[in-house]
Protein backbone atom coordinates (compact mmCIF):
# COMPACT_ATOMS: atom_id res chain seq x y z
CA MET A 1 4.47 -8.54 -8.89
CA LEU A 2 3.54 -6.77 -5.72
CA ASP A 3 2.67 -9.22 -3.64
CA LEU A 4 6.60 -9.86 -3.48
CA MET A 5 7.30 -6.79 -3.10
CA SER A 6 8.49 -7.15 0.56
CA SER A 7 10.78 -9.69 -0.01
CA LEU A 8 12.74 -8.69 -2.83
CA ALA A 9 15.03 -6.10 -1.86
CA GLY A 10 16.68 -9.02 -0.21
CA TRP A 11 16.27 -11.52 -2.82
CA HIS A 12 20.09 -12.40 -4.06
CA PRO A 13 19.47 -12.98 -7.52
CA VAL A 14 17.78 -9.08 -7.65
CA ALA A 15 20.57 -7.65 -5.59
CA SER A 16 23.32 -8.91 -7.21
CA GLY A 17 21.96 -7.81 -10.40
CA GLN A 18 21.00 -11.15 -12.11
CA ARG A 19 19.10 -11.58 -14.70
CA CYS A 20 14.94 -12.69 -13.95
CA ALA A 21 11.60 -13.16 -15.13
CA VAL A 22 8.52 -12.21 -13.74
CA ALA A 23 5.14 -15.06 -14.24
CA THR A 24 2.03 -13.51 -13.09
CA VAL A 25 -1.09 -15.23 -12.89
CA VAL A 26 -3.48 -13.32 -15.29
CA GLY A 27 -6.80 -15.14 -15.07
CA THR A 28 -8.21 -18.33 -13.44
CA SER A 29 -10.86 -20.18 -14.07
CA GLY A 30 -12.69 -22.74 -11.22
CA SER A 31 -11.07 -23.87 -8.49
CA VAL A 32 -7.40 -22.96 -8.04
CA PRO A 33 -5.38 -21.71 -5.17
CA ARG A 34 -4.15 -18.59 -5.59
CA PRO A 35 -6.00 -15.31 -7.49
CA MET A 36 -5.28 -13.12 -9.76
CA GLY A 37 -2.03 -10.90 -9.97
CA THR A 38 -0.23 -14.28 -7.80
CA SER A 39 3.73 -13.56 -8.91
CA MET A 40 7.09 -15.28 -8.57
CA MET A 41 10.25 -14.55 -9.54
CA VAL A 42 12.66 -16.63 -11.77
CA SER A 43 16.61 -15.97 -11.86
CA ALA A 44 18.72 -17.12 -14.46
CA ALA A 45 20.17 -19.58 -12.31
CA GLY A 46 16.78 -20.82 -12.10
CA ASP A 47 15.94 -20.15 -8.37
CA VAL A 48 12.56 -19.01 -7.28
CA LEU A 49 10.93 -16.62 -4.93
CA GLY A 50 7.14 -17.00 -4.50
CA SER A 51 4.54 -19.59 -5.87
CA LEU A 52 2.10 -20.06 -8.42
CA SER A 53 0.18 -22.57 -7.16
CA GLY A 54 1.94 -24.38 -4.60
CA GLY A 55 3.63 -26.93 -6.75
CA CYS A 56 1.64 -28.11 -9.21
CA VAL A 57 2.88 -25.61 -12.41
CA GLU A 58 5.86 -24.31 -10.71
CA GLY A 59 8.11 -26.42 -12.58
CA ALA A 60 6.69 -26.07 -16.22
CA VAL A 61 6.76 -22.05 -15.79
CA VAL A 62 10.51 -21.75 -14.14
CA GLU A 63 11.13 -23.42 -17.59
CA ALA A 64 8.78 -20.97 -19.46
CA ALA A 65 11.15 -18.41 -18.19
CA LEU A 66 14.44 -19.26 -18.46
CA GLU A 67 12.66 -19.97 -22.17
CA ALA A 68 11.93 -16.39 -21.87
CA MET A 69 15.14 -14.51 -20.70
CA ARG A 70 17.18 -16.38 -23.51
CA ASP A 71 14.69 -14.47 -26.07
CA GLY A 72 13.61 -11.95 -24.74
CA GLY A 73 9.71 -12.56 -24.84
CA THR A 74 6.76 -12.66 -23.20
CA ARG A 75 4.99 -15.63 -22.47
CA LEU A 76 1.35 -16.71 -21.93
CA GLU A 77 1.00 -19.98 -20.64
CA LEU A 78 -2.22 -21.59 -19.58
CA PHE A 79 -2.00 -24.51 -17.64
CA GLY A 80 -4.82 -27.08 -16.04
CA TYR A 81 -6.10 -30.09 -14.98
CA SER A 82 -6.05 -33.31 -17.21
CA ALA A 83 -7.91 -36.28 -17.04
CA GLU A 84 -6.57 -38.14 -19.52
CA ASP A 85 -2.74 -37.75 -18.45
CA ALA A 86 -2.30 -38.02 -14.59
CA PHE A 87 1.43 -36.50 -15.21
CA ALA A 88 0.75 -34.09 -17.15
CA VAL A 89 1.92 -30.43 -16.01
CA GLY A 90 -1.46 -29.14 -14.31
CA LEU A 91 -3.37 -28.70 -11.41
CA THR A 92 -5.07 -31.70 -9.76
CA CYS A 93 -7.71 -29.11 -8.43
CA GLY A 94 -9.59 -29.46 -11.31
CA GLY A 95 -9.33 -24.92 -12.20
CA GLU A 96 -7.29 -23.27 -15.02
CA LEU A 97 -4.34 -21.16 -14.24
CA GLN A 98 -3.48 -18.22 -17.04
CA VAL A 99 0.26 -17.46 -16.82
CA HIS A 100 2.09 -14.47 -18.09
CA ILE A 101 5.79 -14.41 -18.43
CA GLU A 102 8.05 -11.80 -18.95
CA PRO A 103 11.89 -10.59 -18.25
CA PHE A 104 12.05 -8.75 -15.41
CA GLY A 105 14.10 -6.09 -17.65
CA ALA A 106 11.21 -5.76 -19.65
CA PHE A 107 9.56 -3.03 -17.38
CA ALA A 108 9.19 0.60 -18.26
CA GLY A 109 9.20 3.29 -15.90
CA PRO A 110 11.36 3.51 -12.55
CA SER A 111 13.61 1.19 -11.94
CA ILE A 112 12.65 -1.38 -9.33
CA GLY A 113 14.93 -0.41 -7.33
CA GLN A 114 13.00 3.57 -6.92
CA LEU A 115 9.83 1.58 -6.72
CA LEU A 116 10.62 -0.76 -3.58
CA ARG A 117 12.34 2.36 -2.00
CA ARG A 118 9.11 4.05 -2.51
CA LEU A 119 6.80 0.56 -1.25
CA PRO A 120 6.59 1.02 2.30
CA GLU A 121 6.09 4.76 2.70
CA THR A 122 3.20 5.59 0.16
CA PRO A 123 0.47 3.43 -1.44
CA VAL A 124 1.59 2.88 -4.77
CA ALA A 125 0.29 0.34 -7.57
CA LEU A 126 1.80 -0.75 -10.33
CA ILE A 127 -0.58 -1.12 -14.35
CA ARG A 128 1.15 -3.59 -16.57
CA ARG A 129 1.01 -4.94 -20.01
CA VAL A 130 0.14 -8.52 -20.64
CA ASP A 131 -1.63 -9.36 -23.02
CA LEU A 132 0.50 -12.07 -25.65
CA ASN A 133 3.66 -10.03 -26.37
CA GLY A 134 2.72 -7.17 -24.48
CA SER A 135 4.96 -5.74 -21.82
CA GLY A 136 5.78 -2.75 -20.16
CA ALA A 137 4.57 -1.28 -16.27
CA VAL A 138 3.91 2.26 -15.04
CA VAL A 139 4.30 2.97 -11.28
CA ILE A 140 1.57 4.91 -9.62
CA PRO A 141 2.75 6.71 -6.60
CA ASP A 142 -0.57 7.98 -5.59
CA PRO A 143 -3.71 5.79 -7.09
CA GLU A 144 -6.23 7.48 -5.44
CA ALA A 145 -4.88 10.59 -7.41
CA PHE A 146 -4.36 9.15 -9.96
CA LYS A 147 -6.17 10.66 -13.72
CA ALA A 148 -5.67 8.34 -16.45
CA ALA A 149 -6.21 10.40 -18.94
CA GLN A 150 -3.50 12.78 -18.37
CA SER A 151 -0.62 9.82 -18.35
CA ALA A 152 2.17 9.94 -20.65
CA GLU A 153 3.72 7.30 -19.37
CA LEU A 154 0.04 5.53 -19.96
CA ALA A 155 -0.54 6.50 -23.56
CA ALA A 156 3.06 5.61 -24.38
CA LEU A 157 1.82 2.40 -22.64
CA LEU A 158 -0.84 1.97 -24.56
CA GLY A 159 1.14 2.94 -27.76
CA LEU A 160 -0.84 6.66 -28.32
CA ARG A 161 0.98 9.36 -29.07
CA SER A 162 -0.38 10.86 -26.78
CA PRO A 163 -2.86 10.98 -23.43
CA ALA A 164 -5.65 12.81 -25.61
CA GLY A 165 -8.44 10.78 -27.25
CA GLU A 166 -11.62 8.49 -26.68
CA ALA A 167 -8.66 5.10 -26.34
CA MET A 168 -7.34 7.16 -22.96
CA ALA A 169 -11.08 8.47 -21.85
CA ALA A 170 -11.85 3.78 -21.83
CA ALA A 171 -8.42 3.04 -20.41
CA ALA A 172 -9.62 6.09 -17.90
CA ALA A 173 -13.01 4.54 -17.30
CA GLN A 174 -11.83 1.11 -16.07
CA LEU A 175 -8.82 1.84 -14.82
CA GLU A 176 -9.32 4.46 -11.77
CA PRO A 177 -12.05 2.73 -9.76
CA LEU A 178 -9.68 -0.35 -9.37
CA LEU A 179 -7.34 1.71 -8.36
CA ARG A 180 -9.07 3.80 -5.87
CA GLY A 181 -10.50 0.77 -4.51
CA GLY A 182 -6.94 -0.82 -4.02
CA ARG A 183 -8.33 -3.30 -6.40
CA THR A 184 -6.71 -6.28 -8.42
CA GLY A 185 -7.90 -6.52 -11.97
CA LEU A 186 -7.59 -6.82 -15.23
CA VAL A 187 -8.60 -4.08 -17.85
CA ARG A 188 -9.29 -4.79 -21.91
CA LEU A 189 -9.14 -2.47 -24.76
CA ALA A 190 -9.96 -3.55 -27.94
CA PRO A 191 -7.17 -1.26 -30.36
CA ALA A 192 -8.85 2.01 -32.22
CA GLY A 193 -7.97 5.41 -32.75
CA GLY A 194 -3.95 4.98 -33.01
CA CYS A 195 -3.76 2.78 -30.26
CA VAL A 196 -1.42 0.33 -32.30
CA GLY A 197 -0.36 -2.23 -29.74
CA ARG A 198 1.28 -5.18 -31.08
CA ALA A 199 1.09 -6.71 -34.44
CA ASP A 200 0.01 -9.63 -34.48
CA VAL A 201 -3.52 -10.77 -34.87
CA VAL A 202 -6.55 -12.78 -33.73
CA GLU A 203 -8.63 -15.48 -35.50
CA GLU A 204 -12.18 -14.18 -34.06
CA SER A 205 -16.36 -14.91 -35.33
CA GLY A 206 -14.03 -15.79 -39.29
CA GLY A 207 -12.28 -12.49 -38.97
CA ILE A 208 -9.08 -10.49 -38.14
CA GLN A 209 -9.40 -8.81 -35.43
CA PRO A 210 -5.82 -7.00 -33.68
CA GLU A 211 -5.98 -8.65 -30.44
CA PRO A 212 -6.68 -5.79 -27.16
CA VAL A 213 -4.40 -3.94 -25.50
CA THR A 214 -4.45 -6.37 -21.55
CA LEU A 215 -3.90 -4.36 -18.57
CA LEU A 216 -3.16 -6.14 -15.48
CA VAL A 217 -3.79 -3.59 -12.02
CA GLU A 218 -2.30 -3.93 -9.26
CA SER A 219 -3.04 -1.72 -5.85
CA ARG A 220 -1.05 -1.24 -2.37
CA THR A 221 -3.44 0.73 -0.44
CA PRO A 222 -3.43 1.47 3.07
CA PRO A 223 -5.29 -1.18 5.23
CA PRO A 224 -9.36 -0.94 5.25
CA ARG A 225 -10.28 0.90 8.71
CA MET A 226 -12.54 -1.03 10.86
CA LEU A 227 -14.81 0.08 13.74
CA VAL A 228 -15.34 -1.30 16.48
CA PHE A 229 -18.12 0.43 18.97
CA GLY A 230 -17.94 -1.25 22.38
CA ALA A 231 -15.68 -2.40 25.05
CA ASN A 232 -16.57 -5.22 25.69
CA ASP A 233 -15.75 -9.46 25.64
CA PHE A 234 -17.22 -9.13 21.70
CA GLY A 235 -15.62 -6.32 20.82
CA ALA A 236 -12.25 -8.06 22.28
CA ALA A 237 -11.99 -11.20 20.63
CA LEU A 238 -13.50 -9.73 17.41
CA VAL A 239 -9.86 -6.61 17.75
CA PRO A 240 -7.72 -9.38 17.12
CA ALA A 241 -9.72 -11.29 14.44
CA ALA A 242 -10.28 -7.90 12.02
CA LYS A 243 -6.66 -7.79 11.97
CA LEU A 244 -6.26 -10.96 11.01
CA LEU A 245 -8.37 -10.66 7.80
CA GLY A 246 -5.59 -6.92 7.42
CA TYR A 247 -8.10 -4.35 8.71
CA SER A 248 -7.13 -1.14 10.87
CA VAL A 249 -9.07 -1.75 14.23
CA THR A 250 -9.81 0.37 16.00
CA LEU A 251 -11.82 0.50 19.18
CA ILE A 252 -14.27 3.02 20.26
CA ASP A 253 -16.76 3.38 23.44
CA ALA A 254 -17.85 6.02 25.63
CA ARG A 255 -16.71 4.19 29.33
CA PRO A 256 -13.18 5.15 29.97
CA ALA A 257 -12.63 2.46 32.87
CA PHE A 258 -13.90 0.01 29.76
CA ALA A 259 -11.86 1.27 26.93
CA GLY A 260 -8.81 1.32 29.32
CA GLN A 261 -8.61 -2.54 29.77
CA ALA A 262 -5.43 -3.84 28.84
CA ARG A 263 -7.51 -6.91 26.61
CA PHE A 264 -7.70 -4.26 24.28
CA GLU A 265 -4.11 -3.05 23.71
CA THR A 266 -3.98 -4.96 20.43
CA ALA A 267 -6.38 -2.55 18.77
CA ASP A 268 -4.21 0.34 15.89
CA GLU A 269 -6.02 2.79 17.96
CA VAL A 270 -8.01 3.00 21.63
CA VAL A 271 -10.69 5.35 21.57
CA THR A 272 -12.97 7.15 24.64
CA ASP A 273 -15.77 9.29 23.20
CA TRP A 274 -19.08 9.08 22.92
CA PRO A 275 -19.62 7.06 19.36
CA HIS A 276 -20.77 9.43 16.58
CA ARG A 277 -19.81 11.80 17.33
CA TYR A 278 -16.52 10.16 17.25
CA LEU A 279 -18.01 8.69 13.97
CA ALA A 280 -19.21 12.17 12.54
CA ALA A 281 -15.39 13.36 13.27
CA GLU A 282 -13.61 10.53 11.36
CA ALA A 283 -15.76 11.55 8.33
CA ALA A 284 -15.68 15.47 8.80
CA ALA A 285 -12.30 14.41 8.78
CA THR A 286 -12.61 12.23 5.21
CA ARG A 287 -11.14 9.66 7.30
CA ILE A 288 -13.89 7.48 6.59
CA ASP A 289 -14.04 6.18 2.59
CA ALA A 290 -15.70 3.49 1.07
CA ARG A 291 -13.58 0.14 2.78
CA THR A 292 -14.53 0.97 5.30
CA ALA A 293 -16.25 -1.31 8.36
CA ILE A 294 -18.82 -0.59 10.96
CA CYS A 295 -19.06 -2.69 13.39
CA VAL A 296 -21.39 -2.35 16.67
CA LEU A 297 -21.58 -4.64 19.06
CA THR A 298 -22.58 -1.51 22.31
CA HIS A 299 -26.36 -3.70 22.23
CA ASP A 300 -27.27 0.00 24.14
CA PRO A 301 -29.72 2.22 22.35
CA LYS A 302 -28.75 5.47 23.82
CA PHE A 303 -25.41 4.38 21.87
CA ASP A 304 -26.66 2.40 18.73
CA ILE A 305 -29.21 4.43 17.32
CA PRO A 306 -27.56 8.25 16.71
CA LEU A 307 -24.43 5.53 16.17
CA LEU A 308 -26.20 4.24 12.81
CA GLU A 309 -28.46 7.25 11.90
CA ALA A 310 -25.47 8.41 11.08
CA ALA A 311 -23.15 4.99 9.94
CA LEU A 312 -26.37 4.64 7.21
CA GLY A 313 -25.66 8.17 5.78
CA LEU A 314 -21.85 7.09 5.09
CA ASP A 315 -20.76 5.54 1.83
CA VAL A 316 -18.65 2.78 3.97
CA ALA A 317 -18.22 -1.17 2.80
CA PHE A 318 -20.47 -2.56 6.19
CA VAL A 319 -22.29 -1.56 8.65
CA GLY A 320 -23.78 -4.16 11.59
CA ALA A 321 -25.43 -3.84 14.52
CA MET A 322 -25.25 -7.31 17.64
CA GLY A 323 -28.85 -7.57 18.71
CA SER A 324 -31.44 -10.29 19.15
CA ARG A 325 -34.31 -10.26 16.20
CA ARG A 326 -36.55 -8.53 18.98
CA SER A 327 -33.81 -5.83 19.50
CA HIS A 328 -33.10 -5.19 16.26
CA ARG A 329 -36.80 -4.82 15.30
CA GLN A 330 -37.03 -2.12 17.82
CA ARG A 331 -33.62 -0.77 16.37
CA ILE A 332 -35.25 -0.52 13.28
CA ASP A 333 -38.62 1.27 14.45
CA ALA A 334 -36.23 4.01 16.23
CA LEU A 335 -33.95 4.53 13.00
CA LEU A 336 -37.41 5.26 11.19
CA ALA A 337 -38.57 7.73 13.88
CA ALA A 338 -35.37 9.30 13.36
CA GLY A 339 -35.27 9.23 9.91
CA VAL A 340 -33.76 6.71 8.05
CA PRO A 341 -34.51 6.05 5.06
CA PRO A 342 -36.64 2.93 3.93
CA GLU A 343 -32.93 2.19 1.41
CA GLY A 344 -30.94 3.20 4.06
CA LEU A 345 -31.83 0.11 6.17
CA ALA A 346 -31.60 -2.33 3.57
CA ARG A 347 -28.10 -2.02 4.12
CA LEU A 348 -28.20 -2.32 7.59
CA HIS A 349 -25.96 -6.22 8.98
CA SER A 350 -28.46 -6.87 11.95
CA PRO A 351 -28.20 -9.40 13.84
CA ILE A 352 -24.27 -9.03 12.48
CA GLY A 353 -22.56 -12.17 11.48
CA LEU A 354 -23.21 -15.54 9.26
CA ASP A 355 -25.51 -17.92 10.85
CA LEU A 356 -23.00 -19.92 11.77
CA GLY A 357 -24.74 -20.89 16.03
CA ALA A 358 -21.82 -19.00 17.06
CA VAL A 359 -22.08 -18.34 21.45
CA THR A 360 -18.99 -18.10 22.75
CA PRO A 361 -16.89 -14.47 21.74
CA ALA A 362 -14.62 -15.71 19.88
CA GLU A 363 -17.04 -17.73 17.94
CA VAL A 364 -19.39 -14.11 17.49
CA ALA A 365 -16.45 -12.61 16.04
CA VAL A 366 -15.55 -15.58 13.30
CA SER A 367 -18.90 -15.53 13.14
CA ILE A 368 -18.77 -11.27 12.06
CA THR A 369 -15.91 -11.78 10.62
CA ALA A 370 -16.81 -14.38 7.77
CA GLU A 371 -20.37 -12.13 7.33
CA LEU A 372 -17.07 -9.50 6.15
CA ILE A 373 -16.20 -11.76 3.72
CA ALA A 374 -19.05 -12.93 2.73
CA ALA A 375 -20.84 -9.05 2.21
CA ARG A 376 -17.66 -8.43 -0.55
CA ASN A 377 -17.88 -11.95 -2.35
CA ALA A 378 -20.93 -12.58 -4.30
CA ALA A 379 -20.29 -15.99 -4.76
CA ALA A 380 -20.24 -16.90 -0.84
CA ALA A 381 -23.86 -19.40 -0.25
CA CYS A 382 -23.15 -19.21 3.67
CA ALA A 383 -26.56 -16.64 4.66
CA PRO A 384 -25.94 -13.74 7.25
CA LEU A 385 -28.54 -13.73 10.73
CA ARG A 386 -30.07 -10.97 9.61
CA ASP A 387 -31.58 -12.80 6.73
CA GLY A 388 -32.89 -15.41 9.12
CA SER A 389 -36.33 -15.24 10.91
CA GLY A 390 -36.25 -17.71 14.03
CA PRO A 391 -33.93 -17.46 17.19
CA ILE A 392 -30.17 -16.66 16.86
CA HIS A 393 -29.59 -20.20 19.35
CA HIS A 394 -32.11 -22.71 17.85
CA ALA A 395 -31.44 -24.65 21.87
CA ASN A 396 -33.52 -21.77 22.69
CA GLU A 397 -36.99 -19.78 22.60
CA GLU A 398 -36.64 -16.25 21.39
CA SER A 399 -37.19 -15.17 24.87
CA GLN A 400 -34.83 -16.72 26.43
CA GLU A 401 -32.06 -14.98 23.90
CA THR A 402 -29.10 -14.03 25.84
CA PRO A 403 -28.78 -9.99 26.13
CA TRP A 404 -26.26 -9.59 23.23
CA THR A 405 -27.50 -11.92 20.37
């Protein structure tokens, strides 16, 4: 639902106080148009804000939302492809969507107006009940500092009398990593120890068992950082490409004449400092976290080696460095000599980028951003350059590789 918040304040049905319902994707399988957590608002007049599938199932979702507003209940609807009936409501891409629908007024905690006012200024998360007939939500104004086991609001959402006990500890163990990582995900908690949940039951393995409480976690945190070291053609191409992926980009170079060029003004910040010294200062000030990406494009050992030695000792999402395979081997030898352990070197993406045959700075930027996406997606099928063995430019011999590769 957080994906709608930037538009919700100016949407007429909400501004005028009309009854509304929210439909949210809470489960996916196969090929689907939108990810889990995507939401769509429907007003009592049938107006729509947002989209769940690009048009495949929206009409049926609107009808279910109108029914939810009429009877005040919630819905769990499943939409998939029907090979038997080409006119059936479903996804022509062949996947399945599970959609949770509930009246807007069912939300607990702070009002939507309060939530909208807070969203632009601070990180925020929303924890919602999305099991069958489940409803309600808790707003988390500071996701990184949230202690689930101390939250009376969360306990009430789970149907518990207090935040003490094993059920809250189990909830905390699953919720807090999602909140701190700024991720969207589902948490399922088996009813136990006073967690009453809903009274309905489902049949499982021949027996009657209470339905698990299911929570959808959505987080809105500051954008992750990318530190681009190297004020050169490749840095100039990577900065805007990284911003398209949602990164807050800082460009760093020790040479004022290079860092001060107008072509780097699209960066969120430009810093003139020795790379390893800047990185150490940012780490000491706790401005580096587990979502940070570090891209070393300087291709100069006097900058690269101390910088990579420092970077590989930090808990960050990605460390990559530009260079030929020959440069990479020399870099590995230097880092080993500097005392970087083999497990640290295993984290280094070098040569940086996916094996796309990239040559120009713009193509190299695409290769690097593609590897950033692949590095956080276990299903990625394209091989990174670091896993190859031959020349980066297949038309050239390794001895003829250009200096940046």
